């Protein structure tokens, strides 16, 4: 009977250790995944902002050229 309770305690101990390791690994994976998503969103926002600035500059250059043409 003593062997069974000792084996039962060992199984509980290993189950706790494995469960804890799985929890830590899942937490780390989730954290890394979240950081990658954040980085992707920041990159997309930066690209969108740069694209908008380029379009505005192009439009302003067209207006300047048109106003210089009309001044003549």
PDB file of N, CA and C in Angstrom:
ATOM      1  N   UNK A   1       0.813  -1.185   0.000  1.00  0.00           N
ATOM      2  CA  UNK A   1       0.000   0.000   0.000  1.00  0.00           C
ATOM      3  C   UNK A   1       0.863   1.258   0.000  1.00  0.00           C
ATOM      4  N   UNK A   2       2.000   1.147   0.661  1.00  0.00           N
ATOM      5  CA  UNK A   2       2.883   2.296   0.756  1.00  0.00           C
ATOM      6  C   UNK A   2       3.458   2.663  -0.606  1.00  0.00           C
ATOM      7  N   UNK A   3       3.713   1.661  -1.451  1.00  0.00           N
ATOM      8  CA  UNK A   3       4.253   1.911  -2.778  1.00  0.00           C
ATOM      9  C   UNK A   3       3.275   2.709  -3.632  1.00  0.00           C
ATOM     10  N   UNK A   4       2.015   2.387  -3.529  1.00  0.00           N
ATOM     11  CA  UNK A   4       1.003   3.073  -4.338  1.00  0.00           C
ATOM     12  C   UNK A   4       0.895   4.542  -3.960  1.00  0.00           C
ATOM     13  N   UNK A   5       0.933   4.847  -2.683  1.00  0.00           N
ATOM     14  CA  UNK A   5       0.814   6.243  -2.279  1.00  0.00           C
ATOM     15  C   UNK A   5       2.070   7.010  -2.683  1.00  0.00           C
ATOM     16  N   UNK A   6       3.228   6.355  -2.630  1.00  0.00           N
ATOM     17  CA  UNK A   6       4.471   6.984  -3.064  1.00  0.00           C
ATOM     18  C   UNK A   6       4.438   7.226  -4.571  1.00  0.00           C
ATOM     19  N   UNK A   7       3.939   6.256  -5.302  1.00  0.00           N
ATOM     20  CA  UNK A   7       3.825   6.415  -6.760  1.00  0.00           C
ATOM     21  C   UNK A   7       2.803   7.486  -7.082  1.00  0.00           C
ATOM     22  N   UNK A   8       1.736   7.533  -6.329  1.00  0.00           N
ATOM     23  CA  UNK A   8       0.704   8.541  -6.531  1.00  0.00           C
ATOM     24  C   UNK A   8       1.265   9.941  -6.273  1.00  0.00           C
ATOM     25  N   UNK A   9       2.070  10.064  -5.235  1.00  0.00           N
ATOM     26  CA  UNK A   9       2.689  11.364  -4.941  1.00  0.00           C
ATOM     27  C   UNK A   9       3.645  11.772  -6.049  1.00  0.00           C
ATOM     28  N   UNK A  10       4.383  10.802  -6.579  1.00  0.00           N
ATOM     29  CA  UNK A  10       5.320  11.110  -7.664  1.00  0.00           C
ATOM     30  C   UNK A  10       4.567  11.530  -8.925  1.00  0.00           C
ATOM     31  N   UNK A  11       3.459  10.870  -9.209  1.00  0.00           N
ATOM     32  CA  UNK A  11       2.657  11.226 -10.382  1.00  0.00           C
ATOM     33  C   UNK A  11       2.107  12.639 -10.222  1.00  0.00           C
ATOM     34  N   UNK A  12       1.633  12.945  -9.032  1.00  0.00           N
ATOM     35  CA  UNK A  12       1.118  14.299  -8.778  1.00  0.00           C
ATOM     36  C   UNK A  12       2.230  15.332  -8.920  1.00  0.00           C
ATOM     37  N   UNK A  13       3.396  14.987  -8.422  1.00  0.00           N
ATOM     38  CA  UNK A  13       4.541  15.902  -8.504  1.00  0.00           C
ATOM     39  C   UNK A  13       4.923  16.146  -9.959  1.00  0.00           C
ATOM     40  N   UNK A  14       5.035  15.094 -10.743  1.00  0.00           N
ATOM     41  CA  UNK A  14       5.395  15.243 -12.157  1.00  0.00           C
ATOM     42  C   UNK A  14       4.292  15.957 -12.943  1.00  0.00           C
ATOM     43  N   UNK A  15       3.050  15.680 -12.601  1.00  0.00           N
ATOM     44  CA  UNK A  15       1.944  16.362 -13.272  1.00  0.00           C
ATOM     45  C   UNK A  15       1.987  17.861 -13.006  1.00  0.00           C
ATOM     46  N   UNK A  16       2.283  18.231 -11.764  1.00  0.00           N
ATOM     47  CA  UNK A  16       2.395  19.637 -11.399  1.00  0.00           C
ATOM     48  C   UNK A  16       3.550  20.304 -12.157  1.00  0.00           C
ATOM     49  N   UNK A  17       4.672  19.634 -12.228  1.00  0.00           N
ATOM     50  CA  UNK A  17       5.838  20.184 -12.924  1.00  0.00           C
ATOM     51  C   UNK A  17       5.542  20.342 -14.421  1.00  0.00           C
ATOM     52  N   UNK A  18       4.971  19.326 -15.024  1.00  0.00           N
ATOM     53  CA  UNK A  18       4.649  19.386 -16.447  1.00  0.00           C
ATOM     54  C   UNK A  18       3.605  20.463 -16.713  1.00  0.00           C
ATOM     55  N   UNK A  19       2.600  20.542 -15.869  1.00  0.00           N
ATOM     56  CA  UNK A  19       1.579  21.571 -16.025  1.00  0.00           C
ATOM     57  C   UNK A  19       2.162  22.971 -15.927  1.00  0.00           C
ATOM     58  N   UNK A  20       3.054  23.165 -14.952  1.00  0.00           N
ATOM     59  CA  UNK A  20       3.710  24.454 -14.786  1.00  0.00           C
ATOM     60  C   UNK A  20       4.573  24.803 -15.997  1.00  0.00           C
ATOM     61  N   UNK A  21       5.315  23.831 -16.506  1.00  0.00           N
ATOM     62  CA  UNK A  21       6.146  24.068 -17.692  1.00  0.00           C
ATOM     63  C   UNK A  21       5.301  24.396 -18.919  1.00  0.00           C
ATOM     64  N   UNK A  22       4.192  23.708 -19.078  1.00  0.00           N
ATOM     65  CA  UNK A  22       3.292  23.985 -20.203  1.00  0.00           C
ATOM     66  C   UNK A  22       2.701  25.387 -20.066  1.00  0.00           C
ATOM     67  N   UNK A  23       2.316  25.766 -18.850  1.00  0.00           N
ATOM     68  CA  UNK A  23       1.771  27.108 -18.624  1.00  0.00           C
ATOM     69  C   UNK A  23       2.799  28.178 -18.958  1.00  0.00           C
ATOM     70  N   UNK A  24       4.031  28.009 -18.487  1.00  0.00           N
ATOM     71  CA  UNK A  24       5.094  28.984 -18.757  1.00  0.00           C
ATOM     72  C   UNK A  24       5.381  29.069 -20.254  1.00  0.00           C
ATOM     73  N   UNK A  25       5.458  27.910 -20.916  1.00  0.00           N
ATOM     74  CA  UNK A  25       5.718  27.904 -22.357  1.00  0.00           C
ATOM     75  C   UNK A  25       4.578  28.585 -23.115  1.00  0.00           C
ATOM     76  N   UNK A  26       3.347  28.325 -22.720  1.00  0.00           N
ATOM     77  CA  UNK A  26       2.199  28.962 -23.369  1.00  0.00           C
ATOM     78  C   UNK A  26       2.217  30.469 -23.155  1.00  0.00           C
ATOM     79  N   UNK A  27       2.540  30.897 -21.950  1.00  0.00           N
ATOM     80  CA  UNK A  27       2.621  32.321 -21.650  1.00  0.00           C
ATOM     81  C   UNK A  27       3.688  32.993 -22.504  1.00  0.00           C
ATOM     82  N   UNK A  28       4.860  32.381 -22.599  1.00  0.00           N
ATOM     83  CA  UNK A  28       5.943  32.955 -23.407  1.00  0.00           C
ATOM     84  C   UNK A  28       5.565  33.008 -24.884  1.00  0.00           C
ATOM     85  N   UNK A  29       4.948  31.952 -25.378  1.00  0.00           N
ATOM     86  CA  UNK A  29       4.510  31.935 -26.777  1.00  0.00           C
ATOM     87  C   UNK A  29       3.493  33.044 -27.024  1.00  0.00           C
ATOM     88  N   UNK A  30       2.552  33.200 -26.127  1.00  0.00           N
ATOM     89  CA  UNK A  30       1.548  34.258 -26.270  1.00  0.00           C
ATOM     90  C   UNK A  30       2.181  35.639 -26.244  1.00  0.00           C
ATOM     91  N   UNK A  31       3.139  35.843 -25.360  1.00  0.00           N
ATOM     92  CA  UNK A  31       3.819  37.128 -25.255  1.00  0.00           C
ATOM     93  C   UNK A  31       4.595  37.440 -26.537  1.00  0.00           C
ATOM     94  N   UNK A  32       5.324  36.471 -27.038  1.00  0.00           N
ATOM     95  CA  UNK A  32       6.089  36.671 -28.271  1.00  0.00           C
ATOM     96  C   UNK A  32       5.150  36.927 -29.441  1.00  0.00           C
ATOM     97  N   UNK A  33       4.061  36.195 -29.505  1.00  0.00           N
ATOM     98  CA  UNK A  33       3.076  36.378 -30.567  1.00  0.00           C
ATOM     99  C   UNK A  33       2.470  37.777 -30.504  1.00  0.00           C
ATOM    100  N   UNK A  34       2.145  38.243 -29.313  1.00  0.00           N
ATOM    101  CA  UNK A  34       1.586  39.581 -29.136  1.00  0.00           C
ATOM    102  C   UNK A  34       2.574  40.652 -29.580  1.00  0.00           C
ATOM    103  N   UNK A  35       3.836  40.491 -29.242  1.00  0.00           N
ATOM    104  CA  UNK A  35       4.858  41.460 -29.651  1.00  0.00           C
ATOM    105  C   UNK A  35       5.010  41.483 -31.170  1.00  0.00           C
ATOM    106  N   UNK A  36       4.930  40.312 -31.807  1.00  0.00           N
ATOM    107  CA  UNK A  36       5.024  40.268 -33.271  1.00  0.00           C
ATOM    108  C   UNK A  36       3.829  40.971 -33.915  1.00  0.00           C
ATOM    109  N   UNK A  37       2.653  40.791 -33.364  1.00  0.00           N
ATOM    110  CA  UNK A  37       1.459  41.466 -33.894  1.00  0.00           C
ATOM    111  C   UNK A  37       1.604  42.973 -33.729  1.00  0.00           C
ATOM    112  N   UNK A  38       2.075  43.410 -32.546  1.00  0.00           N
ATOM    113  CA  UNK A  38       2.289  44.834 -32.296  1.00  0.00           C
ATOM    114  C   UNK A  38       3.286  45.414 -33.300  1.00  0.00           C
ATOM    115  N   UNK A  39       4.368  44.695 -33.523  1.00  0.00           N
ATOM    116  CA  UNK A  39       5.394  45.163 -34.454  1.00  0.00           C
ATOM    117  C   UNK A  39       4.824  45.277 -35.863  1.00  0.00           C
ATOM    118  N   UNK A  40       4.021  44.312 -36.266  1.00  0.00           N
ATOM    119  CA  UNK A  40       3.403  44.353 -37.588  1.00  0.00           C
ATOM    120  C   UNK A  40       2.460  45.538 -37.735  1.00  0.00           C
ATOM    121  N   UNK A  41       1.680  45.815 -36.699  1.00  0.00           N
ATOM    122  CA  UNK A  41       0.759  46.954 -36.750  1.00  0.00           C
ATOM    123  C   UNK A  41       1.517  48.270 -36.797  1.00  0.00           C
ATOM    124  N   UNK A  42       2.605  48.373 -36.042  1.00  0.00           N
ATOM    125  CA  UNK A  42       3.409  49.593 -36.069  1.00  0.00           C
ATOM    126  C   UNK A  42       4.039  49.793 -37.442  1.00  0.00           C
ATOM    127  N   UNK A  43       4.500  48.708 -38.036  1.00  0.00           N
ATOM    128  CA  UNK A  43       5.096  48.794 -39.362  1.00  0.00           C
ATOM    129  C   UNK A  43       4.054  49.232 -40.387  1.00  0.00           C
ATOM    130  N   UNK A  44       2.860  48.676 -40.302  1.00  0.00           N
ATOM    131  CA  UNK A  44       1.786  49.050 -41.226  1.00  0.00           C
ATOM    132  C   UNK A  44       1.397  50.512 -41.032  1.00  0.00           C
ATOM    133  N   UNK A  45       1.335  50.972 -39.794  1.00  0.00           N
ATOM    134  CA  UNK A  45       0.986  52.369 -39.521  1.00  0.00           C
ATOM    135  C   UNK A  45       2.066  53.308 -40.055  1.00  0.00           C
ATOM    136  N   UNK A  46       3.324  52.931 -39.882  1.00  0.00           N
ATOM    137  CA  UNK A  46       4.426  53.747 -40.394  1.00  0.00           C
ATOM    138  C   UNK A  46       4.365  53.836 -41.907  1.00  0.00           C
ATOM    139  N   UNK A  47       4.121  52.715 -42.550  1.00  0.00           N
ATOM    140  CA  UNK A  47       4.018  52.710 -44.014  1.00  0.00           C
ATOM    141  C   UNK A  47       2.863  53.582 -44.484  1.00  0.00           C
ATOM    142  N   UNK A  48       1.721  53.478 -43.808  1.00  0.00           N
ATOM    143  CA  UNK A  48       0.552  54.277 -44.174  1.00  0.00           C
ATOM    144  C   UNK A  48       0.852  55.766 -44.007  1.00  0.00           C
ATOM    145  N   UNK A  49       1.501  56.134 -42.918  1.00  0.00           N
ATOM    146  CA  UNK A  49       1.835  57.536 -42.682  1.00  0.00           C
ATOM    147  C   UNK A  49       2.800  58.058 -43.742  1.00  0.00           C
ATOM    148  N   UNK A  50       3.816  57.269 -44.064  1.00  0.00           N
ATOM    149  CA  UNK A  50       4.778  57.696 -45.081  1.00  0.00           C
ATOM    150  C   UNK A  50       4.114  57.818 -46.445  1.00  0.00           C
ATOM    151  N   UNK A  51       3.236  56.901 -46.753  1.00  0.00           N
ATOM    152  CA  UNK A  51       2.520  56.949 -48.029  1.00  0.00           C
ATOM    153  C   UNK A  51       1.644  58.194 -48.107  1.00  0.00           C
ATOM    154  N   UNK A  52       0.968  58.511 -47.007  1.00  0.00           N
ATOM    155  CA  UNK A  52       0.115  59.701 -46.972  1.00  0.00           C
ATOM    156  C   UNK A  52       0.944  60.966 -47.148  1.00  0.00           C
ATOM    157  N   UNK A  53       2.088  61.030 -46.496  1.00  0.00           N
ATOM    158  CA  UNK A  53       2.968  62.195 -46.625  1.00  0.00           C
ATOM    159  C   UNK A  53       3.437  62.343 -48.071  1.00  0.00           C
ATOM    160  N   UNK A  54       3.793  61.244 -48.706  1.00  0.00           N
ATOM    161  CA  UNK A  54       4.226  61.308 -50.114  1.00  0.00           C
ATOM    162  C   UNK A  54       3.108  61.811 -51.015  1.00  0.00           C
ATOM    163  N   UNK A  55       1.888  61.337 -50.807  1.00  0.00           N
ATOM    164  CA  UNK A  55       0.763  61.788 -51.631  1.00  0.00           C
ATOM    165  C   UNK A  55       0.467  63.268 -51.408  1.00  0.00           C
ATOM    166  N   UNK A  56       0.526  63.710 -50.161  1.00  0.00           N
ATOM    167  CA  UNK A  56       0.275  65.128 -49.867  1.00  0.00           C
ATOM    168  C   UNK A  56       1.354  65.996 -50.505  1.00  0.00           C
ATOM    169  N   UNK A  57       2.614  65.571 -50.386  1.00  0.00           N
ATOM    170  CA  UNK A  57       3.706  66.332 -51.009  1.00  0.00           C
ATOM    171  C   UNK A  57       3.542  66.403 -52.520  1.00  0.00           C
ATOM    172  N   UNK A  58       3.157  65.311 -53.125  1.00  0.00           N
ATOM    173  CA  UNK A  58       2.954  65.302 -54.577  1.00  0.00           C
ATOM    174  C   UNK A  58       1.827  66.263 -54.955  1.00  0.00           C
ATOM    175  N   UNK A  59       0.745  66.252 -54.197  1.00  0.00           N
ATOM    176  CA  UNK A  59      -0.376  67.149 -54.479  1.00  0.00           C
ATOM    177  C   UNK A  59       0.034  68.605 -54.289  1.00  0.00           C
ATOM    178  N   UNK A  60       0.769  68.891 -53.223  1.00  0.00           N
ATOM    179  CA  UNK A  60       1.236  70.259 -52.995  1.00  0.00           C
ATOM    180  C   UNK A  60       2.175  70.727 -54.100  1.00  0.00           C
ATOM    181  N   UNK A  61       3.038  69.840 -54.566  1.00  0.00           N
ATOM    182  CA  UNK A  61       3.936  70.192 -55.672  1.00  0.00           C
ATOM    183  C   UNK A  61       3.135  70.517 -56.929  1.00  0.00           C
ATOM    184  N   UNK A  62       2.072  69.769 -57.166  1.00  0.00           N
ATOM    185  CA  UNK A  62       1.221  70.071 -58.326  1.00  0.00           C
ATOM    186  C   UNK A  62       0.584  71.443 -58.182  1.00  0.00           C
ATOM    187  N   UNK A  63       0.108  71.780 -56.990  1.00  0.00           N
ATOM    188  CA  UNK A  63      -0.509  73.087 -56.764  1.00  0.00           C
ATOM    189  C   UNK A  63       0.505  74.219 -56.940  1.00  0.00           C
ATOM    190  N   UNK A  64       1.728  74.002 -56.442  1.00  0.00           N
ATOM    191  CA  UNK A  64       2.773  75.024 -56.588  1.00  0.00           C
ATOM    192  C   UNK A  64       3.091  75.233 -58.061  1.00  0.00           C
ATOM    193  N   UNK A  65       3.257  74.151 -58.800  1.00  0.00           N
ATOM    194  CA  UNK A  65       3.550  74.262 -60.231  1.00  0.00           C
ATOM    195  C   UNK A  65       2.418  74.977 -60.960  1.00  0.00           C
ATOM    196  N   UNK A  66       1.181  74.646 -60.624  1.00  0.00           N
ATOM    197  CA  UNK A  66       0.029  75.273 -61.257  1.00  0.00           C
ATOM    198  C   UNK A  66      -0.019  76.760 -60.921  1.00  0.00           C
ATOM    199  N   UNK A  67       0.226  77.102 -59.664  1.00  0.00           N
ATOM    200  CA  UNK A  67       0.180  78.522 -59.294  1.00  0.00           C
ATOM    201  C   UNK A  67       1.329  79.288 -59.959  1.00  0.00           C
ATOM    202  N   UNK A  68       2.503  78.683 -60.088  1.00  0.00           N
ATOM    203  CA  UNK A  68       3.607  79.342 -60.784  1.00  0.00           C
ATOM    204  C   UNK A  68       3.281  79.511 -62.260  1.00  0.00           C
ATOM    205  N   UNK A  69       2.626  78.540 -62.852  1.00  0.00           N
ATOM    206  CA  UNK A  69       2.233  78.637 -64.252  1.00  0.00           C
ATOM    207  C   UNK A  69       1.211  79.756 -64.456  1.00  0.00           C
ATOM    208  N   UNK A  70       0.272  79.857 -63.531  1.00  0.00           N
ATOM    209  CA  UNK A  70      -0.772  80.878 -63.670  1.00  0.00           C
ATOM    210  C   UNK A  70      -0.248  82.281 -63.378  1.00  0.00           C
ATOM    211  N   UNK A  71       0.847  82.404 -62.622  1.00  0.00           N
ATOM    212  CA  UNK A  71       1.438  83.717 -62.357  1.00  0.00           C
ATOM    213  C   UNK A  71       2.016  84.333 -63.607  1.00  0.00           C
ATOM    214  N   UNK A  72       2.478  83.527 -64.509  1.00  0.00           N
ATOM    215  CA  UNK A  72       3.132  84.041 -65.709  1.00  0.00           C
ATOM    216  C   UNK A  72       2.222  84.727 -66.600  1.00  0.00           C
TER     217      UNK A  72
END
